Amino acid sequence: MRKTKMMFAVAATTVLASQAAMAYQAGDTYVRASFEKADIETDNISDENSFHLSGGYLFHDKMGVELGIGEKVKHDFFGLASNDLGTMKRMPVNLLLNYYPLGGIDEARVQPFVGVGLNYTRYSNIHAIDGFDIDIDDEYGVVGQAGLDLTLTDNLSATGYARWSDVDADVDWKRENVNGTGTGSGTVRLDPVTVGAGLTYRF
């Protein structure tokens, strides 16, 4: 009987210690690798998949900062008649302030979070069809996200999230043909809604 009680006490202590290690708390740092699908608002730019890397630091049990960068993703872009105009690459960078409502709670194996911050989108490798010369300016905008960390081990979590970015593409174009040279400019609203899933390692 005494041996059984001792084994129970050891098991309970182990479980409680494991749960305590799972608490999100000030001083935690993490890295995350994820796979994303971006749904672009306009039909003039193709939707694409990409990889995303991010890292963060909690300066409070319930608050932290996160910096994330996506890979350069190649998009096709189209004219008003859905005709191919060319390709470009888009690379998003996000700086977010995250709020963890269950931060500091030892028993919380599921950690929801919401965040808001600044997005920077860089456009590069712009290739247009013959006769067109197209330039797209880099863009700053607001970004917001909501997600969930599901604890797998003391340090590893499965993460899912959705993110919305206020992103425009300011386009300048020039076209040369037999009638001379024509120029123009305009703004295309991308406003991508991005859904992602990945793994988070917490130190």
Protein backbone atom coordinates (compact mmCIF):
# COMPACT_ATOMS: atom_id res chain seq x y z
CA MET A 1 0.00 0.00 0.00
CA ARG A 2 2.81 2.37 0.94
CA LYS A 3 4.59 1.52 -2.33
CA THR A 4 1.41 2.24 -4.31
CA LYS A 5 1.00 5.63 -2.62
CA MET A 6 4.62 6.49 -3.36
CA MET A 7 4.26 5.55 -7.04
CA PHE A 8 1.10 7.66 -7.25
CA ALA A 9 2.88 10.62 -5.66
CA VAL A 10 5.80 10.35 -8.09
CA ALA A 11 3.45 10.09 -11.06
CA ALA A 12 1.41 13.10 -9.89
CA THR A 13 4.57 15.15 -9.36
CA THR A 14 5.79 14.26 -12.85
CA VAL A 15 2.48 15.28 -14.43
CA LEU A 16 2.37 18.58 -12.53
CA ALA A 17 5.97 19.37 -13.44
CA SER A 18 5.24 18.62 -17.08
CA GLN A 19 2.18 20.88 -17.01
CA ALA A 20 4.12 23.66 -15.33
CA ALA A 21 6.69 23.57 -18.11
CA MET A 22 3.90 24.14 -20.63
CA ALA A 23 2.87 27.52 -19.27
CA TYR A 24 3.50 30.48 -21.55
CA GLN A 25 5.43 32.99 -19.50
CA ALA A 26 7.57 36.09 -19.74
CA GLY A 27 11.03 35.34 -21.13
CA ASP A 28 9.93 32.56 -23.50
CA THR A 29 11.30 32.63 -27.04
CA TYR A 30 10.15 30.52 -29.97
CA VAL A 31 10.72 29.74 -33.62
CA ARG A 32 8.07 28.56 -36.06
CA ALA A 33 8.13 26.95 -39.50
CA SER A 34 4.85 26.77 -41.36
CA PHE A 35 3.17 26.21 -44.72
CA GLU A 36 0.71 28.83 -45.94
CA LYS A 37 -2.02 29.34 -48.51
CA ALA A 38 -2.70 32.97 -49.51
CA ASP A 39 -6.09 33.93 -50.95
CA ILE A 40 -5.62 37.18 -52.89
CA GLU A 41 -8.68 39.45 -53.03
CA THR A 42 -8.32 40.47 -56.67
CA ASP A 43 -8.73 38.00 -59.52
CA ASN A 44 -5.91 39.78 -61.38
CA ILE A 45 -3.22 38.04 -59.29
CA SER A 46 -2.96 34.29 -58.75
CA ASP A 47 -3.29 32.58 -55.35
CA GLU A 48 -0.18 30.68 -54.29
CA ASN A 49 1.27 28.49 -51.51
CA SER A 50 4.48 29.28 -49.63
CA PHE A 51 6.67 28.57 -46.61
CA HIS A 52 6.92 30.99 -43.70
CA LEU A 53 9.43 31.38 -40.86
CA SER A 54 8.91 33.40 -37.70
CA GLY A 55 10.36 33.96 -34.27
CA GLY A 56 8.99 35.57 -31.14
CA TYR A 57 9.64 36.69 -27.59
CA LEU A 58 7.23 37.02 -24.67
CA PHE A 59 8.02 40.07 -22.54
CA HIS A 60 4.94 39.31 -20.39
CA ASP A 61 2.99 36.11 -19.62
CA LYS A 62 0.24 37.33 -21.94
CA MET A 63 2.08 39.59 -24.39
CA GLY A 64 4.85 39.07 -26.93
CA VAL A 65 6.34 40.27 -30.19
CA GLU A 66 6.75 38.21 -33.36
CA LEU A 67 8.73 38.78 -36.54
CA GLY A 68 7.88 36.64 -39.56
CA ILE A 69 9.10 36.46 -43.13
CA GLY A 70 7.67 34.53 -46.05
CA GLU A 71 9.58 33.10 -48.97
CA LYS A 72 9.51 34.94 -52.28
CA VAL A 73 6.43 33.61 -54.02
CA LYS A 74 5.93 33.81 -57.76
CA HIS A 75 2.50 35.10 -58.86
CA ASP A 76 0.96 35.41 -62.29
CA PHE A 77 -0.91 38.64 -62.97
CA PHE A 78 -3.62 39.24 -65.54
CA GLY A 79 -5.30 42.03 -67.49
CA LEU A 80 -8.95 43.07 -67.39
CA ALA A 81 -9.78 40.43 -69.97
CA SER A 82 -8.01 37.75 -67.88
CA ASN A 83 -5.16 37.69 -70.37
CA ASP A 84 -1.68 36.92 -69.05
CA LEU A 85 0.42 40.05 -68.51
CA GLY A 86 3.41 38.54 -66.72
CA THR A 87 4.79 37.33 -63.40
CA MET A 88 6.14 38.86 -60.21
CA LYS A 89 7.47 37.73 -56.85
CA ARG A 90 5.94 38.84 -53.54
CA MET A 91 7.72 38.59 -50.17
CA PRO A 92 5.80 39.55 -46.99
CA VAL A 93 7.43 40.58 -43.70
CA ASN A 94 5.24 40.93 -40.59
CA LEU A 95 6.00 42.50 -37.20
CA LEU A 96 3.24 41.66 -34.71
CA LEU A 97 2.27 42.28 -31.11
CA ASN A 98 0.55 39.10 -29.87
CA TYR A 99 -1.83 38.61 -26.96
CA TYR A 100 -2.12 35.20 -25.23
CA PRO A 101 -5.28 35.17 -23.03
CA LEU A 102 -4.21 31.92 -21.29
CA GLY A 103 -0.57 32.90 -20.83
CA GLY A 104 0.81 31.99 -17.41
CA ILE A 105 -1.77 29.21 -16.82
CA ASP A 106 0.08 25.95 -16.16
CA GLU A 107 -2.75 23.62 -17.20
CA ALA A 108 -3.39 25.27 -20.58
CA ARG A 109 -2.31 22.81 -23.26
CA VAL A 110 -4.12 24.88 -25.88
CA GLN A 111 -2.89 28.45 -26.23
CA PRO A 112 -4.97 30.79 -28.43
CA PHE A 113 -3.46 34.07 -29.56
CA VAL A 114 -4.39 37.19 -31.49
CA GLY A 115 -2.05 39.79 -32.90
CA VAL A 116 -1.87 43.08 -34.74
CA GLY A 117 1.04 44.88 -36.35
CA LEU A 118 2.79 46.11 -39.47
CA ASN A 119 3.22 44.37 -42.81
CA TYR A 120 5.90 45.14 -45.38
CA THR A 121 5.50 43.59 -48.82
CA ARG A 122 8.35 43.59 -51.32
CA TYR A 123 7.76 43.03 -55.03
CA SER A 124 10.59 41.84 -57.26
CA ASN A 125 11.46 39.86 -60.41
CA ILE A 126 8.69 41.53 -62.39
CA HIS A 127 8.50 40.14 -65.91
CA ALA A 128 5.86 41.44 -68.31
CA ILE A 129 4.86 40.24 -71.76
CA ASP A 130 6.53 41.83 -74.79
CA GLY A 131 5.57 45.44 -75.24
CA PHE A 132 4.92 46.15 -71.55
CA ASP A 133 7.24 47.61 -68.94
CA ILE A 134 5.70 47.26 -65.46
CA ASP A 135 6.92 48.54 -62.08
CA ILE A 136 5.31 47.74 -58.70
CA ASP A 137 6.15 49.74 -55.57
CA ASP A 138 6.85 48.06 -52.23
CA GLU A 139 4.03 48.50 -49.74
CA TYR A 140 3.41 48.98 -45.99
CA GLY A 141 0.11 48.14 -44.30
CA VAL A 142 -1.70 46.81 -41.25
CA VAL A 143 -1.72 43.09 -40.47
CA GLY A 144 -3.81 41.08 -38.02
CA GLN A 145 -3.80 37.41 -37.08
CA ALA A 146 -5.54 34.83 -34.88
CA GLY A 147 -4.21 31.39 -34.10
CA LEU A 148 -3.87 28.44 -31.77
CA ASP A 149 -0.91 26.51 -30.33
CA LEU A 150 -1.61 22.87 -29.37
CA THR A 151 1.07 21.52 -27.02
CA LEU A 152 2.66 18.27 -28.20
CA THR A 153 5.62 18.18 -25.79
CA ASP A 154 7.11 20.58 -23.24
CA ASN A 155 8.75 22.54 -26.06
CA LEU A 156 6.92 21.59 -29.26
CA SER A 157 3.49 22.75 -30.41
CA ALA A 158 1.36 22.35 -33.51
CA THR A 159 0.19 25.78 -34.67
CA GLY A 160 -2.64 26.89 -36.90
CA TYR A 161 -3.49 30.50 -37.78
CA ALA A 162 -5.22 32.88 -40.12
CA ARG A 163 -3.77 36.27 -41.05
CA TRP A 164 -5.14 39.26 -42.96
CA SER A 165 -2.96 41.97 -44.45
CA ASP A 166 -3.92 45.37 -45.84
CA VAL A 167 -1.75 45.23 -48.97
CA ASP A 168 -2.00 47.21 -52.20
CA ALA A 169 0.10 47.09 -55.33
CA ASP A 170 0.79 50.49 -56.87
CA VAL A 171 1.49 49.74 -60.51
CA ASP A 172 3.15 51.97 -63.14
CA TRP A 173 3.19 50.67 -66.70
CA LYS A 174 4.50 51.67 -70.06
CA ARG A 175 3.58 50.08 -73.36
CA GLU A 176 5.31 50.53 -76.67
CA ASN A 177 3.62 49.60 -79.94
CA VAL A 178 3.30 50.82 -83.51
CA ASN A 179 1.23 53.79 -82.35
CA GLY A 180 3.93 55.02 -79.97
CA THR A 181 4.32 54.79 -76.23
CA GLY A 182 1.47 54.73 -73.73
CA THR A 183 1.80 55.05 -69.96
CA GLY A 184 -0.46 54.66 -66.99
CA SER A 185 -0.71 53.83 -63.32
CA GLY A 186 -3.15 52.27 -60.90
CA THR A 187 -3.61 50.49 -57.60
CA VAL A 188 -4.50 46.83 -57.22
CA ARG A 189 -5.85 45.67 -53.85
CA LEU A 190 -4.33 42.35 -52.79
CA ASP A 191 -5.52 42.18 -49.13
CA PRO A 192 -4.46 38.53 -48.81
CA VAL A 193 -6.14 36.23 -46.30
CA THR A 194 -3.50 33.68 -45.37
CA VAL A 195 -4.18 30.37 -43.65
CA GLY A 196 -1.18 28.50 -42.26
CA ALA A 197 -0.16 25.46 -40.22
CA GLY A 198 3.20 24.48 -38.82
CA LEU A 199 5.34 23.56 -35.83
CA THR A 200 6.49 25.90 -33.06
CA TYR A 201 9.53 25.18 -30.87
CA ARG A 202 9.64 27.10 -27.60
CA PHE A 203 12.81 27.69 -25.56
